[in-house]
N, C-alpha and C. Protein backbone atom coordinates (compact mmCIF):
# COMPACT_ATOMS: atom_id res chain seq x y z
N MET A 1 281.38 136.34 193.61
CA MET A 1 281.83 135.52 192.49
C MET A 1 281.56 136.23 191.15
N ARG A 2 280.40 136.85 191.04
CA ARG A 2 280.05 137.54 189.80
C ARG A 2 281.00 138.71 189.55
N GLY A 3 281.39 139.40 190.61
CA GLY A 3 282.32 140.52 190.48
C GLY A 3 283.68 140.07 189.96
N ARG A 4 284.12 138.93 190.44
CA ARG A 4 285.41 138.39 189.97
C ARG A 4 285.34 138.00 188.50
N LEU A 5 284.21 137.45 188.10
CA LEU A 5 284.02 137.06 186.72
C LEU A 5 284.04 138.29 185.81
N LEU A 6 283.38 139.36 186.22
CA LEU A 6 283.38 140.59 185.44
C LEU A 6 284.78 141.20 185.38
N LEU A 7 285.50 141.15 186.47
CA LEU A 7 286.86 141.67 186.51
C LEU A 7 287.76 140.87 185.57
N LEU A 8 287.62 139.56 185.58
CA LEU A 8 288.41 138.71 184.69
C LEU A 8 288.07 138.99 183.23
N TRP A 9 286.79 139.10 182.92
CA TRP A 9 286.37 139.40 181.55
C TRP A 9 286.92 140.75 181.11
N GLY A 10 286.88 141.75 181.97
CA GLY A 10 287.41 143.07 181.64
C GLY A 10 288.90 143.03 181.37
N ALA A 11 289.63 142.28 182.17
CA ALA A 11 291.08 142.16 181.97
C ALA A 11 291.39 141.47 180.64
N LEU A 12 290.63 140.44 180.30
CA LEU A 12 290.84 139.76 179.03
C LEU A 12 290.50 140.67 177.85
N PHE A 13 289.46 141.47 178.00
CA PHE A 13 289.09 142.41 176.94
C PHE A 13 290.20 143.42 176.71
N LEU A 14 290.72 143.99 177.79
CA LEU A 14 291.76 145.00 177.67
C LEU A 14 293.07 144.42 177.12
N ALA A 15 293.29 143.16 177.36
CA ALA A 15 294.50 142.52 176.83
C ALA A 15 294.47 142.49 175.30
N GLY A 16 293.29 142.51 174.71
CA GLY A 16 293.16 142.51 173.26
C GLY A 16 293.12 143.89 172.66
N CYS A 17 293.27 144.93 173.46
CA CYS A 17 293.22 146.30 172.96
C CYS A 17 294.62 146.83 172.73
N GLY A 18 294.71 147.80 171.87
CA GLY A 18 296.00 148.41 171.62
C GLY A 18 295.85 149.73 170.90
N MET A 19 296.95 150.38 170.69
CA MET A 19 296.96 151.66 170.01
C MET A 19 297.87 151.56 168.80
N THR A 20 297.33 151.89 167.64
CA THR A 20 298.19 151.93 166.47
C THR A 20 298.92 153.26 166.49
N PRO A 21 300.18 153.29 166.10
CA PRO A 21 300.95 154.54 166.17
C PRO A 21 300.53 155.54 165.09
N ASP A 22 300.71 156.84 165.39
CA ASP A 22 300.49 157.87 164.39
C ASP A 22 301.55 157.73 163.30
N ILE A 23 301.22 158.17 162.10
CA ILE A 23 302.16 158.15 160.98
C ILE A 23 302.33 159.59 160.52
N ALA A 24 303.58 160.07 160.52
CA ALA A 24 303.89 161.43 160.11
C ALA A 24 304.36 161.43 158.66
N LEU A 25 303.94 162.48 157.93
CA LEU A 25 304.34 162.62 156.53
C LEU A 25 304.76 164.07 156.29
N ARG A 26 305.62 164.28 155.29
CA ARG A 26 306.08 165.63 154.95
C ARG A 26 306.22 165.72 153.43
N ASN A 27 305.87 166.91 152.89
CA ASN A 27 306.07 167.11 151.45
C ASN A 27 307.33 167.91 151.21
N LYS A 28 307.67 168.17 149.93
CA LYS A 28 308.91 168.86 149.59
C LYS A 28 308.92 170.31 150.03
N ALA A 29 307.74 170.90 150.25
CA ALA A 29 307.65 172.29 150.72
C ALA A 29 307.82 172.37 152.24
N GLY A 30 307.95 171.22 152.90
CA GLY A 30 308.13 171.20 154.35
C GLY A 30 306.84 171.13 155.15
N GLN A 31 305.71 171.05 154.46
CA GLN A 31 304.43 170.92 155.16
C GLN A 31 304.31 169.51 155.71
N THR A 32 303.73 169.40 156.89
CA THR A 32 303.59 168.08 157.51
C THR A 32 302.13 167.70 157.63
N ALA A 33 301.92 166.42 157.69
CA ALA A 33 300.59 165.86 157.89
C ALA A 33 300.74 164.67 158.82
N ARG A 34 299.66 164.29 159.46
CA ARG A 34 299.69 163.17 160.40
C ARG A 34 298.42 162.34 160.21
N CYS A 35 298.64 161.05 160.04
CA CYS A 35 297.52 160.11 160.02
C CYS A 35 297.49 159.48 161.40
N GLU A 36 296.46 159.81 162.15
CA GLU A 36 296.39 159.42 163.56
C GLU A 36 296.17 157.93 163.74
N GLY A 37 296.77 157.42 164.80
CA GLY A 37 296.54 156.04 165.20
C GLY A 37 295.20 155.94 165.90
N PHE A 38 294.77 154.74 166.14
CA PHE A 38 293.47 154.49 166.74
C PHE A 38 293.61 153.55 167.92
N PHE A 39 292.74 153.73 168.90
CA PHE A 39 292.62 152.76 169.98
C PHE A 39 291.70 151.67 169.47
N VAL A 40 292.20 150.46 169.40
CA VAL A 40 291.41 149.38 168.80
C VAL A 40 291.23 148.22 169.76
N ALA A 41 290.10 147.58 169.63
CA ALA A 41 289.83 146.35 170.36
C ALA A 41 289.87 145.22 169.34
N SER A 42 290.89 144.43 169.38
CA SER A 42 291.03 143.37 168.39
C SER A 42 290.04 142.25 168.68
N GLY A 43 289.81 141.46 167.68
CA GLY A 43 288.93 140.31 167.83
C GLY A 43 287.50 140.59 167.40
N TRP A 44 287.17 141.84 167.13
CA TRP A 44 285.82 142.16 166.69
C TRP A 44 285.80 142.71 165.28
N GLY A 45 286.93 142.61 164.57
CA GLY A 45 287.01 143.13 163.21
C GLY A 45 287.30 144.61 163.15
N ARG A 46 287.31 145.28 164.29
CA ARG A 46 287.53 146.73 164.30
C ARG A 46 288.97 147.08 163.93
N SER A 47 289.92 146.28 164.37
CA SER A 47 291.32 146.62 164.12
C SER A 47 291.61 146.65 162.62
N ARG A 48 291.01 145.74 161.86
CA ARG A 48 291.23 145.73 160.42
C ARG A 48 290.60 146.96 159.76
N VAL A 49 289.42 147.34 160.20
CA VAL A 49 288.73 148.49 159.62
C VAL A 49 289.50 149.77 159.93
N LEU A 50 289.93 149.93 161.18
CA LEU A 50 290.63 151.15 161.55
C LEU A 50 292.01 151.23 160.92
N SER A 51 292.72 150.10 160.83
CA SER A 51 294.02 150.15 160.18
C SER A 51 293.85 150.44 158.69
N LYS A 52 292.75 150.01 158.10
CA LYS A 52 292.48 150.32 156.70
C LYS A 52 292.25 151.82 156.54
N LEU A 53 291.55 152.45 157.48
CA LEU A 53 291.33 153.90 157.42
C LEU A 53 292.65 154.65 157.50
N GLN A 54 293.56 154.19 158.35
CA GLN A 54 294.85 154.84 158.48
C GLN A 54 295.67 154.64 157.20
N ARG A 55 295.64 153.45 156.61
CA ARG A 55 296.35 153.20 155.35
C ARG A 55 295.80 154.10 154.24
N GLU A 56 294.48 154.27 154.20
CA GLU A 56 293.88 155.14 153.19
C GLU A 56 294.33 156.59 153.39
N CYS A 57 294.46 157.02 154.63
CA CYS A 57 294.94 158.36 154.93
C CYS A 57 296.36 158.54 154.39
N VAL A 58 297.23 157.58 154.66
CA VAL A 58 298.61 157.65 154.18
C VAL A 58 298.63 157.64 152.66
N ASP A 59 297.86 156.77 152.04
CA ASP A 59 297.81 156.69 150.58
C ASP A 59 297.37 158.02 149.97
N ASP A 60 296.36 158.66 150.57
CA ASP A 60 295.87 159.95 150.07
C ASP A 60 296.98 161.00 150.10
N TYR A 61 297.70 161.09 151.21
CA TYR A 61 298.78 162.07 151.30
C TYR A 61 299.93 161.73 150.36
N GLN A 62 300.24 160.46 150.20
CA GLN A 62 301.33 160.09 149.31
C GLN A 62 301.01 160.43 147.86
N ARG A 63 299.75 160.34 147.48
CA ARG A 63 299.34 160.74 146.12
C ARG A 63 299.54 162.24 145.92
N GLN A 64 299.53 162.99 147.02
CA GLN A 64 299.72 164.45 146.95
C GLN A 64 301.19 164.84 147.07
N GLY A 65 302.10 163.86 147.12
CA GLY A 65 303.52 164.14 147.16
C GLY A 65 304.15 164.08 148.54
N TYR A 66 303.41 163.66 149.55
CA TYR A 66 303.97 163.53 150.90
C TYR A 66 304.71 162.21 151.01
N GLU A 67 305.73 162.19 151.86
CA GLU A 67 306.47 160.96 152.15
C GLU A 67 306.49 160.74 153.64
N ARG A 68 306.52 159.48 154.03
CA ARG A 68 306.58 159.15 155.48
C ARG A 68 307.91 159.59 156.05
N VAL A 69 307.85 160.10 157.27
CA VAL A 69 309.07 160.50 157.99
C VAL A 69 309.06 159.82 159.35
N PRO A 70 310.25 159.54 159.89
CA PRO A 70 310.30 158.93 161.23
C PRO A 70 309.80 159.91 162.28
N GLU A 71 309.20 159.38 163.30
CA GLU A 71 308.66 160.22 164.40
C GLU A 71 309.77 160.74 165.27
């Protein structure tokens, strides 16, 4: 019974996990940069922190003249 409970808990935990996609950027000189996505477990506040880190990465590159490009 305990094993089934742990298996159920693990499945529920993984259902709340996901991967944010990488974001590609390019400047006018053709140089590329990538703000990597993260494997996140939602529900513990981590997804907001990690998505904020990725947004800050994009913002930093955009201040340097990079623009987002489709993958």
